[in-house]
Protein backbone atom coordinates (compact mmCIF):
# COMPACT_ATOMS: atom_id res chain seq x y z
CA MET A 1 31.94 -14.82 6.68
CA LYS A 2 33.93 -14.92 3.43
CA THR A 3 34.88 -11.37 0.99
CA ILE A 4 33.87 -11.26 -3.05
CA ALA A 5 37.31 -12.54 -3.58
CA GLN A 6 36.56 -15.65 -1.24
CA ILE A 7 33.22 -16.35 -2.53
CA ALA A 8 34.69 -16.28 -7.00
CA ALA A 9 37.44 -18.32 -5.99
CA GLU A 10 35.39 -21.02 -5.43
CA LEU A 11 33.47 -20.58 -8.61
CA GLN A 12 34.63 -22.30 -11.96
CA GLY A 13 35.51 -20.31 -14.76
CA TYR A 14 34.45 -16.69 -12.87
CA ASP A 15 34.88 -14.36 -15.24
CA PRO A 16 33.65 -11.22 -13.78
CA GLN A 17 33.20 -9.86 -17.44
CA ALA A 18 31.32 -12.22 -18.98
CA LEU A 19 29.66 -13.95 -15.78
CA LYS A 20 26.90 -16.48 -17.11
CA ALA A 21 23.06 -16.29 -15.43
CA ALA A 22 23.52 -19.38 -13.92
CA ASP A 23 26.93 -17.87 -11.95
CA VAL A 24 25.46 -14.92 -10.41
CA ASN A 25 22.62 -17.14 -8.86
CA ALA A 26 25.87 -19.49 -7.84
CA PHE A 27 27.51 -16.30 -5.84
CA LEU A 28 24.34 -14.66 -4.22
CA ASP A 29 23.55 -18.55 -3.00
CA ARG A 30 27.14 -17.64 -1.03
CA LEU A 31 26.96 -14.00 -0.64
CA VAL A 32 23.59 -13.15 1.26
CA GLU A 33 23.26 -15.48 4.59
CA PRO A 34 19.49 -15.47 6.60
CA VAL A 35 18.33 -13.14 9.13
CA THR A 36 18.41 -14.88 12.40
CA ALA A 37 15.88 -12.58 14.65
CA THR A 38 12.13 -14.01 14.91
CA GLU A 39 9.41 -12.25 16.58
CA GLU A 40 5.89 -14.01 17.67
CA LEU A 41 2.66 -13.02 15.44
CA PRO A 42 -1.49 -13.50 15.07
CA LEU A 43 -1.97 -15.59 12.35
CA PHE A 44 -3.85 -12.09 11.20
CA ASN A 45 -0.50 -10.15 10.47
CA ALA A 46 1.35 -13.51 9.65
CA LEU A 47 0.37 -13.49 5.57
CA GLY A 48 3.62 -13.52 3.18
CA ARG A 49 6.64 -13.90 6.53
CA VAL A 50 8.12 -16.70 6.49
CA LEU A 51 8.40 -19.77 9.84
CA ALA A 52 11.40 -19.60 11.94
CA ARG A 53 10.39 -23.10 13.36
CA ASP A 54 8.67 -25.61 12.61
CA VAL A 55 5.09 -25.94 13.37
CA VAL A 56 4.11 -28.92 14.49
CA SER A 57 1.02 -30.19 15.20
CA PRO A 58 -0.65 -30.94 18.96
CA ILE A 59 -3.63 -32.76 17.06
CA SER A 60 -4.37 -34.86 14.47
CA VAL A 61 -6.44 -33.45 11.26
CA PRO A 62 -9.29 -34.80 11.25
CA PRO A 63 -9.37 -35.82 15.05
CA HIS A 64 -11.18 -38.95 14.59
CA ASP A 65 -12.36 -40.87 11.61
CA ASN A 66 -15.24 -39.15 9.73
CA SER A 67 -17.59 -38.93 6.48
CA ALA A 68 -17.10 -37.35 3.53
CA MET A 69 -20.05 -37.19 2.31
CA ASP A 70 -23.74 -37.13 3.57
CA GLY A 71 -24.73 -39.91 3.20
CA TYR A 72 -25.59 -43.56 5.19
CA ALA A 73 -22.90 -45.02 6.73
CA PHE A 74 -23.11 -48.71 6.77
CA ALA A 75 -19.68 -51.54 7.22
CA GLY A 76 -18.36 -51.52 4.24
CA ALA A 77 -18.08 -56.18 4.36
CA GLN A 78 -21.96 -56.24 3.83
CA LEU A 79 -21.10 -55.58 -0.36
CA ALA A 80 -21.09 -58.55 -2.33
CA LYS A 81 -19.61 -57.92 -5.88
CA GLY A 82 -23.24 -57.22 -8.36
CA GLN A 83 -25.16 -57.24 -5.44
CA PRO A 84 -28.00 -54.45 -3.99
CA LEU A 85 -27.95 -54.26 -0.39
CA THR A 86 -30.28 -52.75 1.66
CA LEU A 87 -30.48 -51.64 4.93
CA ARG A 88 -32.06 -49.69 7.69
CA VAL A 89 -31.66 -46.57 9.32
CA VAL A 90 -31.45 -46.18 12.96
CA GLY A 91 -30.39 -43.26 14.04
CA THR A 92 -28.46 -40.14 12.37
CA ALA A 93 -24.92 -38.81 13.61
CA LEU A 94 -24.54 -34.77 12.98
CA ALA A 95 -21.42 -32.80 12.74
CA GLY A 96 -19.85 -31.49 15.77
CA LYS A 97 -21.97 -34.12 18.07
CA ALA A 98 -20.86 -38.08 18.05
CA TRP A 99 -24.12 -40.53 18.04
CA ALA A 100 -23.31 -42.42 20.60
CA GLY A 101 -25.99 -45.97 19.18
CA THR A 102 -25.28 -48.90 18.09
CA VAL A 103 -25.15 -50.17 14.82
CA ALA A 104 -25.89 -53.98 13.53
CA ALA A 105 -25.71 -55.93 10.74
CA GLY A 106 -28.27 -54.89 7.96
CA GLU A 107 -28.49 -51.54 9.59
CA CYS A 108 -27.37 -47.86 8.29
CA VAL A 109 -26.90 -44.83 9.84
CA LYS A 110 -27.84 -41.35 8.43
CA ILE A 111 -24.59 -38.91 8.34
CA MET A 112 -23.71 -35.82 7.66
CA THR A 113 -20.72 -34.75 6.64
CA GLY A 114 -17.14 -34.04 9.05
CA ALA A 115 -19.57 -36.27 11.03
CA ILE A 116 -17.90 -38.11 13.69
CA MET A 117 -18.31 -42.18 12.07
CA PRO A 118 -19.71 -44.42 14.39
CA ALA A 119 -18.28 -47.44 16.11
CA GLY A 120 -18.26 -50.45 13.57
CA LEU A 121 -18.78 -48.51 11.19
CA ASP A 122 -16.06 -47.68 7.86
CA THR A 123 -18.19 -46.66 4.64
CA VAL A 124 -20.85 -44.20 3.65
CA VAL A 125 -22.17 -44.63 0.95
CA PRO A 126 -23.07 -40.39 -0.67
CA GLN A 127 -27.60 -40.12 -0.88
CA GLU A 128 -27.90 -39.81 -4.25
CA PHE A 129 -26.98 -43.28 -4.73
CA THR A 130 -29.53 -44.96 -2.61
CA THR A 131 -33.35 -44.77 -3.24
CA SER A 132 -35.28 -44.59 -0.20
CA THR A 133 -38.77 -46.86 1.10
CA THR A 134 -39.98 -47.55 4.21
CA THR A 135 -41.68 -50.51 5.76
CA ASP A 136 -43.43 -51.07 9.07
CA GLY A 137 -41.88 -47.05 9.70
CA ALA A 138 -39.09 -47.64 9.23
CA GLU A 139 -36.87 -46.10 6.32
CA HIS A 140 -34.64 -48.33 4.23
CA ILE A 141 -32.71 -47.59 1.85
CA THR A 142 -30.96 -49.48 -1.04
CA ILE A 143 -27.73 -49.33 -2.48
CA ALA A 144 -27.26 -50.20 -6.55
CA ALA A 145 -24.69 -53.46 -7.12
CA ASP A 146 -21.17 -52.07 -7.71
CA VAL A 147 -21.33 -48.25 -7.25
CA LEU A 148 -18.69 -48.08 -3.91
CA GLN A 149 -16.56 -50.08 -1.92
CA LEU A 150 -16.34 -50.58 1.33
CA GLY A 151 -14.06 -48.09 3.28
CA ASP A 152 -15.29 -44.72 0.25
CA ASN A 153 -15.80 -41.31 1.76
CA ARG A 154 -14.12 -42.08 5.26
CA ARG A 155 -12.15 -39.68 6.16
CA PHE A 156 -9.36 -41.31 8.23
CA LYS A 157 -8.34 -39.40 11.84
CA GLY A 158 -4.78 -37.96 10.59
CA GLU A 159 -5.46 -37.84 7.33
CA ASP A 160 -4.14 -34.56 6.89
CA LEU A 161 -2.00 -34.43 10.15
CA MET A 162 -1.12 -36.44 12.67
CA GLU A 163 -0.37 -34.40 16.35
CA GLY A 164 3.14 -34.40 16.71
CA GLY A 165 4.00 -34.59 13.48
CA VAL A 166 5.67 -31.44 11.01
CA ALA A 167 2.44 -29.34 9.71
CA LEU A 168 4.68 -26.85 8.02
CA ALA A 169 8.26 -26.47 8.15
CA ARG A 170 10.81 -23.90 8.55
CA GLY A 171 11.62 -21.89 6.15
CA GLU A 172 8.07 -22.31 4.17
CA LEU A 173 5.99 -18.92 3.32
CA LEU A 174 2.94 -18.52 4.96
CA THR A 175 0.54 -18.47 1.98
CA PRO A 176 -3.56 -17.77 3.13
CA ALA A 177 -3.68 -21.85 2.79
CA ALA A 178 -1.02 -22.40 5.58
CA LEU A 179 -2.80 -19.67 7.48
CA GLY A 180 -5.54 -22.30 7.43
CA LEU A 181 -3.93 -24.75 8.09
CA VAL A 182 -2.02 -22.75 11.50
CA ALA A 183 -6.08 -22.12 12.59
CA SER A 184 -7.08 -25.95 12.04
CA LEU A 185 -4.46 -27.07 14.56
CA GLY A 186 -5.87 -24.31 16.83
CA LEU A 187 -3.17 -22.35 16.86
CA PRO A 188 -3.23 -18.67 17.37
CA THR A 189 0.67 -17.42 16.58
CA VAL A 190 3.08 -18.26 14.73
CA THR A 191 6.91 -18.10 15.42
CA VAL A 192 8.62 -16.31 12.43
CA VAL A 193 11.53 -14.36 10.06
CA ARG A 194 11.62 -10.79 11.22
CA ARG A 195 10.69 -8.82 8.36
CA LEU A 196 13.83 -7.93 5.88
CA ARG A 197 15.03 -3.99 5.73
CA VAL A 198 15.95 -3.07 1.98
CA ALA A 199 16.55 0.76 1.28
CA TYR A 200 16.42 1.58 -1.70
CA PHE A 201 17.59 4.86 -4.17
CA SER A 202 18.38 5.87 -7.67
CA THR A 203 21.04 7.68 -8.90
CA GLY A 204 22.34 10.45 -11.90
CA ASP A 205 21.70 13.94 -12.21
CA GLU A 206 19.61 13.14 -15.80
CA ILE A 207 17.03 11.42 -12.90
CA LEU A 208 13.90 13.81 -12.33
CA SER A 209 11.50 13.34 -8.84
CA LEU A 210 7.23 13.55 -9.05
CA GLY A 211 6.47 17.08 -9.39
CA GLU A 212 9.95 18.51 -10.86
CA ALA A 213 8.87 21.00 -13.82
CA PRO A 214 10.63 18.20 -16.83
CA ARG A 215 14.01 19.95 -18.66
CA GLU A 216 16.12 18.62 -21.71
CA GLY A 217 18.01 15.90 -21.15
CA ALA A 218 16.16 15.07 -18.04
CA VAL A 219 13.43 11.53 -17.30
CA TYR A 220 11.60 11.41 -14.61
CA ASP A 221 12.44 8.49 -12.16
CA SER A 222 9.56 4.92 -12.90
CA ASN A 223 12.48 2.81 -11.23
CA ARG A 224 12.05 3.76 -7.69
CA TYR A 225 8.41 2.68 -8.18
CA THR A 226 9.18 -0.08 -10.07
CA VAL A 227 11.44 -1.51 -6.98
CA PHE A 228 9.49 -0.17 -4.62
CA GLY A 229 6.58 -2.31 -5.58
CA LEU A 230 8.86 -5.20 -6.21
CA LEU A 231 9.98 -5.48 -2.84
CA THR A 232 6.64 -4.33 -1.58
CA ARG A 233 5.03 -7.41 -3.47
CA LEU A 234 8.17 -8.82 -1.92
CA GLY A 235 6.40 -8.08 1.52
CA VAL A 236 9.48 -6.83 2.93
CA GLU A 237 10.10 -3.20 4.65
CA VAL A 238 10.95 -0.90 2.10
CA ILE A 239 13.38 2.01 3.23
CA ASP A 240 12.89 5.04 0.37
CA LEU A 241 16.06 6.60 -0.03
CA GLY A 242 14.28 8.83 -3.20
CA VAL A 243 16.67 10.50 -6.06
CA VAL A 244 20.29 11.09 -5.21
CA ARG A 245 22.28 13.30 -7.04
CA ASP A 246 25.73 12.30 -8.42
CA GLU A 247 28.10 14.06 -5.98
CA PRO A 248 29.90 12.09 -3.44
CA ALA A 249 29.29 13.62 -0.46
CA LEU A 250 25.96 12.89 -1.23
CA LEU A 251 25.96 9.33 -2.98
CA GLU A 252 28.32 8.72 0.68
CA ALA A 253 25.82 9.41 2.95
CA ALA A 254 22.86 7.59 1.06
CA PHE A 255 25.32 5.19 0.97
CA ARG A 256 25.74 5.23 5.23
CA GLN A 257 22.69 5.79 6.01
CA ALA A 258 21.51 2.57 4.16
CA ALA A 259 23.81 0.58 4.77
CA GLN A 260 22.73 1.76 8.90
CA GLN A 261 19.56 1.23 8.64
CA ALA A 262 18.83 -1.49 6.52
CA ASP A 263 19.89 -5.45 5.60
CA ALA A 264 20.06 -4.84 1.51
CA ILE A 265 20.24 -2.32 -0.41
CA ILE A 266 19.55 -2.11 -3.73
CA THR A 267 20.20 1.49 -6.77
CA SER A 268 19.05 1.45 -9.98
CA GLY A 269 22.20 3.45 -12.51
CA GLY A 270 25.67 4.14 -11.80
CA VAL A 271 27.56 0.99 -12.68
CA SER A 272 28.44 0.22 -16.02
CA VAL A 273 31.84 0.93 -17.34
CA GLY A 274 32.73 4.39 -18.11
CA GLU A 275 29.46 5.84 -16.48
CA ALA A 276 30.41 10.17 -15.73
CA ASP A 277 29.23 9.90 -12.15
CA HIS A 278 30.78 8.45 -8.98
CA THR A 279 28.82 5.72 -7.88
CA ARG A 280 30.86 3.55 -8.76
CA THR A 281 33.90 5.16 -7.31
CA MET A 282 31.87 5.12 -3.59
CA MET A 283 30.66 1.66 -3.56
CA LYS A 284 34.41 0.55 -4.12
CA LYS A 285 35.42 3.37 -1.08
CA LEU A 286 32.71 2.23 0.96
CA GLY A 287 33.00 -1.85 1.13
CA ASP A 288 33.82 -5.24 -0.70
CA VAL A 289 32.17 -5.01 -4.33
CA ALA A 290 32.64 -6.69 -6.87
CA PHE A 291 31.72 -5.39 -11.14
CA TRP A 292 30.25 -6.95 -13.20
CA ARG A 293 29.32 -7.85 -16.23
CA ILE A 294 27.03 -10.34 -17.45
CA ALA A 295 26.23 -12.43 -20.58
CA MET A 296 22.42 -11.37 -20.42
CA ARG A 297 20.01 -9.09 -22.42
CA PRO A 298 18.39 -7.28 -21.08
CA GLY A 299 20.72 -5.73 -17.71
CA ARG A 300 24.20 -6.46 -18.71
CA PRO A 301 26.09 -4.19 -16.06
CA MET A 302 25.45 -5.26 -12.37
CA ALA A 303 27.02 -4.98 -9.01
CA VAL A 304 26.90 -7.15 -5.77
CA GLY A 305 28.14 -6.72 -2.14
CA ARG A 306 28.89 -5.71 0.85
CA ILE A 307 28.74 -1.66 2.15
CA ALA A 308 30.46 -1.62 5.78
CA ALA A 309 28.01 -0.29 8.10
CA ALA A 310 30.61 1.32 10.56
CA GLY A 311 30.61 3.88 12.68
CA PHE A 312 26.86 4.39 13.41
CA GLY A 313 27.31 2.94 16.86
CA GLU A 314 24.64 0.72 18.69
CA LYS A 315 21.50 -0.15 16.86
CA THR A 316 18.24 -0.99 18.14
CA ALA A 317 15.23 -2.99 16.83
CA SER A 318 12.78 -0.69 15.16
CA THR A 319 8.53 -0.92 14.24
CA ALA A 320 9.03 0.97 12.40
CA GLN A 321 6.27 0.83 9.22
CA PRO A 322 7.30 0.13 5.40
CA SER A 323 7.45 4.25 3.94
CA SER A 324 6.02 4.68 0.94
CA PRO A 325 7.68 6.37 -2.06
CA ASP A 326 7.46 10.33 -1.41
CA SER A 327 7.78 9.79 1.97
CA TYR A 328 11.14 8.46 4.51
CA LYS A 329 10.57 7.45 7.90
CA THR A 330 14.49 7.07 9.78
CA ASN A 331 14.32 3.21 11.74
CA SER A 332 17.17 1.88 12.98
CA ASN A 333 17.67 -1.32 12.12
CA PRO A 334 19.90 -4.35 14.45
CA HIS A 335 21.84 -6.34 11.45
CA SER A 336 25.59 -7.21 11.57
CA SER A 337 28.09 -4.54 12.00
CA ALA A 338 29.47 -5.97 8.72
CA GLY A 339 26.31 -3.52 6.75
CA ALA A 340 24.77 -4.39 3.78
CA VAL A 341 24.55 -6.81 1.32
CA LEU A 342 24.29 -4.33 -2.08
CA PHE A 343 22.78 -4.73 -4.95
CA GLY A 344 23.79 -2.92 -7.77
CA LEU A 345 21.33 -2.52 -10.50
CA PRO A 346 21.61 -1.27 -14.16
CA GLY A 347 19.27 2.19 -14.95
CA ASN A 348 17.07 0.59 -18.05
CA PRO A 349 13.72 0.67 -16.88
CA VAL A 350 13.21 -3.11 -18.20
CA ALA A 351 16.96 -3.88 -17.26
CA VAL A 352 16.60 -3.51 -13.38
CA MET A 353 12.70 -5.26 -13.39
CA VAL A 354 14.67 -8.27 -15.29
CA THR A 355 17.34 -8.61 -12.77
CA PHE A 356 15.47 -7.99 -9.58
CA LEU A 357 13.04 -10.79 -10.73
CA ALA A 358 16.23 -13.11 -12.13
CA PHE A 359 19.00 -12.25 -9.64
CA VAL A 360 17.53 -9.63 -6.79
CA ARG A 361 14.38 -11.92 -5.78
CA PRO A 362 15.93 -15.16 -4.82
CA ALA A 363 18.23 -13.67 -2.75
CA LEU A 364 16.23 -11.99 -0.87
CA LEU A 365 14.02 -14.70 -0.33
CA ARG A 366 17.34 -16.64 1.09
CA MET A 367 18.22 -13.07 3.29
CA MET A 368 14.17 -13.51 4.11
CA GLY A 369 14.70 -17.50 5.70
CA SER A 370 12.61 -19.03 2.96
CA THR A 371 13.54 -22.65 1.61
CA ARG A 372 11.21 -21.70 -1.67
CA THR A 373 13.93 -18.92 -2.96
CA THR A 374 13.90 -20.00 -6.90
CA PRO A 375 11.66 -18.85 -9.53
CA PRO A 376 9.52 -21.18 -11.01
CA LEU A 377 9.66 -21.51 -14.77
CA LEU A 378 6.73 -22.98 -17.12
CA ARG A 379 6.94 -24.53 -20.31
CA ALA A 380 5.60 -23.42 -23.41
CA VAL A 381 5.09 -23.65 -27.75
CA SER A 382 5.93 -20.00 -28.89
CA THR A 383 3.90 -19.32 -31.14
CA GLU A 384 6.70 -16.49 -32.83
CA ALA A 385 10.87 -17.06 -34.31
CA MET A 386 12.97 -15.61 -32.03
CA ARG A 387 16.35 -15.19 -33.06
CA LYS A 388 18.77 -15.38 -29.87
CA LYS A 389 23.07 -16.66 -30.20
CA PRO A 390 24.33 -18.85 -27.94
CA GLY A 391 26.47 -17.00 -25.33
CA ARG A 392 24.31 -15.17 -23.16
CA THR A 393 20.57 -15.65 -21.60
CA GLU A 394 18.23 -13.84 -22.97
CA TYR A 395 14.78 -12.43 -21.31
CA GLN A 396 12.37 -11.47 -23.56
CA ARG A 397 8.55 -10.21 -22.62
CA GLY A 398 5.89 -13.05 -23.27
CA LEU A 399 2.50 -12.91 -23.08
CA VAL A 400 1.36 -16.62 -22.05
CA THR A 401 -1.96 -17.97 -22.92
CA THR A 402 -4.19 -21.39 -23.31
CA ALA A 403 -4.27 -22.55 -26.72
CA ALA A 404 -7.55 -24.39 -28.08
CA ASP A 405 -5.82 -27.93 -27.20
CA GLY A 406 -5.44 -27.36 -23.47
CA THR A 407 -1.84 -26.19 -24.10
CA LEU A 408 0.44 -23.37 -22.48
CA GLN A 409 1.73 -20.76 -25.61
CA VAL A 410 3.48 -18.08 -26.19
CA CYS A 411 4.20 -15.26 -28.00
CA THR A 412 7.32 -12.05 -27.11
CA THR A 413 4.92 -8.81 -26.72
CA GLY A 414 6.64 -6.99 -29.89
CA ASN A 415 9.61 -4.34 -29.09
CA GLN A 416 12.53 -5.88 -26.47
CA GLY A 417 14.17 -3.01 -26.20
CA SER A 418 15.37 -1.83 -22.61
CA GLY A 419 13.63 1.01 -22.32
CA VAL A 420 11.10 -0.16 -23.53
CA LEU A 421 8.13 0.04 -19.68
CA SER A 422 5.40 -0.45 -21.51
CA SER A 423 5.77 -3.96 -22.42
CA MET A 424 6.81 -5.07 -18.89
CA VAL A 425 2.99 -3.87 -18.33
CA GLN A 426 1.35 -5.71 -21.69
CA ALA A 427 3.64 -9.01 -20.24
CA ASN A 428 2.71 -11.92 -17.95
CA GLY A 429 6.08 -13.08 -17.68
CA LEU A 430 9.77 -13.48 -18.98
CA ILE A 431 10.06 -16.01 -21.79
CA VAL A 432 13.68 -17.63 -20.64
CA LEU A 433 16.36 -18.26 -23.34
CA HIS A 434 19.02 -20.40 -21.99
CA HIS A 435 22.99 -19.52 -22.55
CA SER A 436 23.70 -22.04 -24.55
CA GLN A 437 20.18 -21.61 -26.67
CA GLY A 438 19.80 -20.93 -30.23
CA ASN A 439 17.26 -19.50 -32.34
CA VAL A 440 13.61 -20.26 -30.91
CA ALA A 441 11.61 -21.89 -34.20
CA VAL A 442 7.49 -21.75 -34.16
CA GLY A 443 6.18 -24.46 -32.82
CA ASP A 444 9.68 -24.65 -30.48
CA MET A 445 9.14 -24.95 -26.95
CA VAL A 446 10.56 -22.89 -24.48
CA ASP A 447 10.15 -22.27 -20.87
CA VAL A 448 8.56 -18.89 -19.59
CA MET A 449 9.12 -17.39 -16.09
CA VAL A 450 5.52 -16.24 -14.94
CA PHE A 451 4.69 -12.58 -13.05
CA ASP A 452 1.30 -14.10 -11.60
CA GLY A 453 2.18 -12.48 -7.84
CA VAL A 454 4.93 -11.02 -8.29
CA ILE A 455 4.92 -7.87 -10.57
């Protein structure tokens, strides 16, 4: 395991006092490591989890050639360009039961969607493309000229998945579609990476918990609930440690408890240079921590590193459920004795959310074993001018809509102050103005990090 200094030495131009946003993610890629413990879960319990090993298909999907339409199956070689084709109907093939008859030239079989294609037949004409007549007590269909080609509307055996092939790769997130795919293979369980455990607490004497009476100079703690929501959406086990006062003994106890129980620790507040609290000092005392001033807006100050879990003895696995923001249930954690990865976020509410989305969430996904950690960026047309100086990355709260011509367009939500939490509620994405980018004019294309499914 590399130290902070060793990781910093690997990054060209590393400057903790003026760190580019792109370098933050490069640093975190080297700092965090995926958890290795696994568990086997029934499909109904596996949504949102990460696969610990490849899912190999025990069967072919579909298991046989079958019809993609309700219609009539026949040998497509009988089609002739510019000529209609009349066929005699000799049977019906239903889904779930193979039709055992034989089909000669000039004949066809009525077939339902999903039914096995009878031997020798390779084409299906949809029912609506035919006209039907009865001659001498037998049904005949006529297919109009040039409405289909040989092989149309036939699904091939293994067209989706072949037996022995990888259906889902290790590191894939089990989405609703993925659960359906696994179920289509007849597999009742999957092996997943055990749930990541993340401890979180707010710091500062100015922070009020819900239920406390207002007092001059104090604010209610919104960050605790925002981060709880972000972590819950991510699917981790949340260990909520509440609000910790700016007292060395309390901070030390909180950090040690978090490092004992969790794989990662998130704090808000207490990481800026010159702040009148003990959080930075305690981070340095208990771990290997770097303090950054990131060339970004909002969210300039941030701390990352590891907090040691020494002195807490052997750890055992837990089946405790995630706690709510207003309750905490102790559980132990079998992670490395090296302790927990630390993410010390700024105190301003919007800065907390931006740094989480841009840096912490991708790092946590990597720890969860996911192979898809980079947030996707969409391109949209800016409907307003935005002032921007090169030399820092800016994350503007934006509202993405669809223009009349179908293109995506985006505007800001107005006031971009780092304490304006209501603007995050109004926004459905972050407009990402990159480090070297300058002013944005109306009509310019910009990148947008969308919130759907995240916030």
